[in-house]
Amino acid sequence: WAERGMKTHIARFHNVYGPNGTWDGGREKAPAALCRKVIEAIDKKEMNITIWGDGTPTRSFMYIDDCVKGIDMIMHCDELIATPINLGSSELVSINELLSKVEKIAGVKLKRHYDLDAPRGVAGRNSDNTFIQKVLKWEPNTTLDQGLAATYKWIKKQYHNRKKGKRVVE
C-alpha cells in the first residue's frame, strides 16, 4: 500500500471449517476430523474415538459462511487498508467440548481414548474480536452448533458416497 498505492487488506483467519472443506487425510481442522471420526465409529460399530492430546486445549472455530462475509466486508472498508484484523469466532471450546457437540448431533456417546503422544499445539487460542466489532460493527456469528450440524451432515454424505465408490471432495 505504502510503496505502490495498491489497496491491501490483511485478515488473520482463525480455524475456518465447514462443508466443502478438507475432512480426511490429516490436513483437516478439528471439527471436520471429529465429525469424520464419529461417523466412522458409528459405521464400523466401534463406539470409541481417539483424541489427540488430553482434550483440554481450547480453540475457536469460524464457519466458512462467516469467513466469506467477513472477507467481503474487510475488502470494502477503506479504514482497514493495510491494517491487520482478526477474522474468527469468539466462541471458545475445548476439544472435549467440541467432541460432545458432535456426539450430540450424531446422537451417540463414544468412549474416549487420549493419545498423549500426538501433536497438541498450544493450550488455547481464540480470536479477539474487539477491533472487528468496532470497525465493522459485526463479527462472525454462526454458532458452533449450527456450523457443526451442517458440516457433520455434509461429511456424512461424503463418507458414505466414498464407501459406494463415488467421487467425493476430500
Protein backbone atom coordinates (compact mmCIF):
# COMPACT_ATOMS: atom_id res chain seq x y z
CA TRP A 1 0.00 0.00 0.00
CA ALA A 2 2.69 2.50 1.03
CA GLU A 3 5.02 1.64 -1.84
CA ARG A 4 2.64 1.14 -4.79
CA GLY A 5 -0.65 2.65 -3.65
CA MET A 6 -2.43 -0.66 -4.14
CA LYS A 7 -5.23 -1.22 -1.64
CA THR A 8 -4.12 -4.05 0.63
CA HIS A 9 -6.23 -5.77 3.25
CA ILE A 10 -4.87 -8.13 5.92
CA ALA A 11 -7.19 -10.62 7.62
CA ARG A 12 -5.91 -13.12 10.18
CA PHE A 13 -8.15 -16.20 9.84
CA HIS A 14 -8.96 -18.35 12.86
CA ASN A 15 -9.69 -22.06 12.20
CA VAL A 16 -12.09 -21.95 9.26
CA TYR A 17 -14.29 -25.04 8.82
CA GLY A 18 -17.46 -26.12 7.06
CA PRO A 19 -18.93 -28.09 4.16
CA ASN A 20 -16.74 -28.49 1.07
CA GLY A 21 -13.60 -28.32 3.19
CA THR A 22 -10.93 -30.92 3.85
CA TRP A 23 -12.38 -33.70 6.01
CA ASP A 24 -9.88 -36.55 5.68
CA GLY A 25 -6.19 -37.17 5.13
CA GLY A 26 -4.59 -35.38 8.08
CA ARG A 27 -4.86 -31.76 6.91
CA GLU A 28 -8.41 -31.14 8.16
CA LYS A 29 -9.33 -28.89 11.10
CA ALA A 30 -10.55 -30.43 14.35
CA PRO A 31 -14.30 -30.01 13.64
CA ALA A 32 -14.03 -31.98 10.39
CA ALA A 33 -11.70 -34.59 11.88
CA LEU A 34 -14.02 -35.21 14.82
CA CYS A 35 -17.09 -35.37 12.58
CA ARG A 36 -15.36 -37.95 10.38
CA LYS A 37 -14.15 -39.98 13.38
CA VAL A 38 -17.65 -40.09 14.88
CA ILE A 39 -19.14 -41.11 11.51
CA GLU A 40 -16.51 -43.85 11.13
CA ALA A 41 -17.11 -45.13 14.68
CA ILE A 42 -20.84 -45.38 14.03
CA ASP A 43 -20.33 -47.01 10.62
CA LYS A 44 -17.87 -49.58 11.96
CA LYS A 45 -19.91 -50.11 15.13
CA GLU A 46 -16.79 -49.39 17.17
CA MET A 47 -18.14 -46.90 19.65
CA ASN A 48 -14.82 -45.37 20.66
CA ILE A 49 -12.70 -42.48 19.47
CA THR A 50 -9.07 -41.42 19.81
CA ILE A 51 -8.42 -37.78 20.70
CA TRP A 52 -5.03 -36.20 20.07
CA GLY A 53 -3.70 -34.90 23.39
CA ASP A 54 -5.80 -34.76 26.54
CA GLY A 55 -8.81 -32.90 25.08
CA THR A 56 -8.33 -29.76 27.18
CA PRO A 57 -6.79 -27.32 24.66
CA THR A 58 -9.24 -24.60 23.65
CA ARG A 59 -9.91 -23.10 20.24
CA SER A 60 -12.44 -21.01 18.39
CA PHE A 61 -13.72 -22.20 15.02
CA MET A 62 -15.18 -19.94 12.32
CA TYR A 63 -17.82 -21.26 9.93
CA ILE A 64 -16.97 -20.75 6.26
CA ASP A 65 -20.02 -18.55 5.53
CA ASP A 66 -18.89 -16.08 8.20
CA CYS A 67 -15.37 -16.13 6.74
CA VAL A 68 -16.64 -15.25 3.26
CA LYS A 69 -18.89 -12.48 4.60
CA GLY A 70 -16.02 -11.12 6.70
CA ILE A 71 -13.62 -11.06 3.75
CA ASP A 72 -16.16 -9.12 1.70
CA MET A 73 -16.73 -6.60 4.47
CA ILE A 74 -12.99 -6.16 5.10
CA MET A 75 -12.23 -5.71 1.40
CA HIS A 76 -14.83 -2.93 1.16
CA CYS A 77 -13.67 -0.99 4.21
CA ASP A 78 -11.15 1.74 3.43
CA GLU A 79 -10.47 2.15 7.16
CA LEU A 80 -8.86 -1.31 7.06
CA ILE A 81 -6.41 -0.67 4.22
CA ALA A 82 -3.03 -2.08 5.30
CA THR A 83 -4.42 -2.74 8.80
CA PRO A 84 -4.37 -6.30 10.16
CA ILE A 85 -7.66 -7.55 11.60
CA ASN A 86 -8.71 -10.80 13.24
CA LEU A 87 -11.41 -12.74 11.42
CA GLY A 88 -12.64 -15.51 13.66
CA SER A 89 -15.31 -16.61 16.08
CA SER A 90 -15.02 -15.65 19.74
CA GLU A 91 -16.91 -18.83 20.80
CA LEU A 92 -14.22 -20.75 22.68
CA VAL A 93 -14.47 -24.52 23.30
CA SER A 94 -12.16 -27.29 24.44
CA ILE A 95 -11.59 -30.24 22.15
CA ASN A 96 -13.59 -32.36 24.62
CA GLU A 97 -16.50 -29.89 24.38
CA LEU A 98 -16.23 -29.90 20.59
CA LEU A 99 -16.48 -33.70 20.56
CA SER A 100 -19.50 -33.58 22.88
CA LYS A 101 -21.22 -31.25 20.41
CA VAL A 102 -20.52 -33.64 17.51
CA GLU A 103 -21.73 -36.60 19.57
CA LYS A 104 -24.97 -34.74 20.31
CA ILE A 105 -25.52 -34.06 16.58
CA ALA A 106 -24.85 -37.74 15.80
CA GLY A 107 -26.99 -39.00 18.68
CA VAL A 108 -24.20 -41.12 20.17
CA LYS A 109 -21.80 -41.20 23.08
CA LEU A 110 -18.36 -42.64 22.36
CA LYS A 111 -15.70 -43.99 24.71
CA ARG A 112 -12.76 -41.58 24.55
CA HIS A 113 -9.13 -42.62 24.32
CA TYR A 114 -6.46 -39.94 24.59
CA ASP A 115 -3.25 -40.16 22.55
CA LEU A 116 -0.88 -38.11 24.69
CA ASP A 117 1.97 -38.63 22.21
CA ALA A 118 0.08 -36.99 19.32
CA PRO A 119 0.68 -33.33 18.38
CA ARG A 120 -1.11 -30.98 20.78
CA GLY A 121 -0.43 -27.42 19.69
CA VAL A 122 -0.80 -24.52 22.09
CA ALA A 123 -3.04 -24.77 25.18
CA GLY A 124 -5.51 -22.18 23.92
CA ARG A 125 -6.19 -19.82 21.06
CA ASN A 126 -9.15 -17.51 20.48
CA SER A 127 -9.98 -14.57 18.24
CA ASP A 128 -10.07 -11.19 19.98
CA ASN A 129 -12.93 -9.50 18.13
CA THR A 130 -12.81 -6.10 19.83
CA PHE A 131 -11.37 -4.39 16.73
CA ILE A 132 -13.63 -6.03 14.12
CA GLN A 133 -16.70 -5.20 16.23
CA LYS A 134 -15.56 -1.57 16.49
CA VAL A 135 -14.72 -1.07 12.81
CA LEU A 136 -17.28 -3.24 11.02
CA LYS A 137 -19.99 -3.34 13.71
CA TRP A 138 -20.01 -7.09 13.03
CA GLU A 139 -18.27 -10.31 13.95
CA PRO A 140 -18.66 -13.93 12.85
CA ASN A 141 -21.94 -15.09 14.37
CA THR A 142 -22.74 -18.60 13.18
CA THR A 143 -22.80 -20.67 16.35
CA LEU A 144 -20.59 -23.71 16.55
CA ASP A 145 -23.70 -25.86 16.99
CA GLN A 146 -25.20 -24.53 13.73
CA GLY A 147 -21.96 -24.83 11.76
CA LEU A 148 -21.17 -28.29 13.10
CA ALA A 149 -24.62 -29.60 12.21
CA ALA A 150 -24.19 -28.52 8.57
CA THR A 151 -20.60 -29.77 8.47
CA TYR A 152 -21.49 -33.15 10.01
CA LYS A 153 -24.33 -33.67 7.52
CA TRP A 154 -22.03 -32.87 4.57
CA ILE A 155 -19.14 -35.06 5.80
CA LYS A 156 -21.53 -37.95 6.48
CA LYS A 157 -22.74 -37.75 2.88
CA GLN A 158 -19.15 -37.60 1.57
CA TYR A 159 -18.13 -40.56 3.75
CA HIS A 160 -20.97 -42.78 2.56
CA ASN A 161 -20.55 -41.73 -1.07
CA ARG A 162 -16.87 -42.68 -0.89
CA LYS A 163 -17.83 -46.10 0.52
CA LYS A 164 -20.09 -46.56 -2.53
CA GLY A 165 -17.15 -45.73 -4.80
CA LYS A 166 -18.47 -42.34 -5.80
CA ARG A 167 -16.20 -39.35 -6.32
CA VAL A 168 -16.01 -37.08 -3.24
CA VAL A 169 -14.30 -33.92 -2.03
CA GLU A 170 -11.51 -34.77 0.40
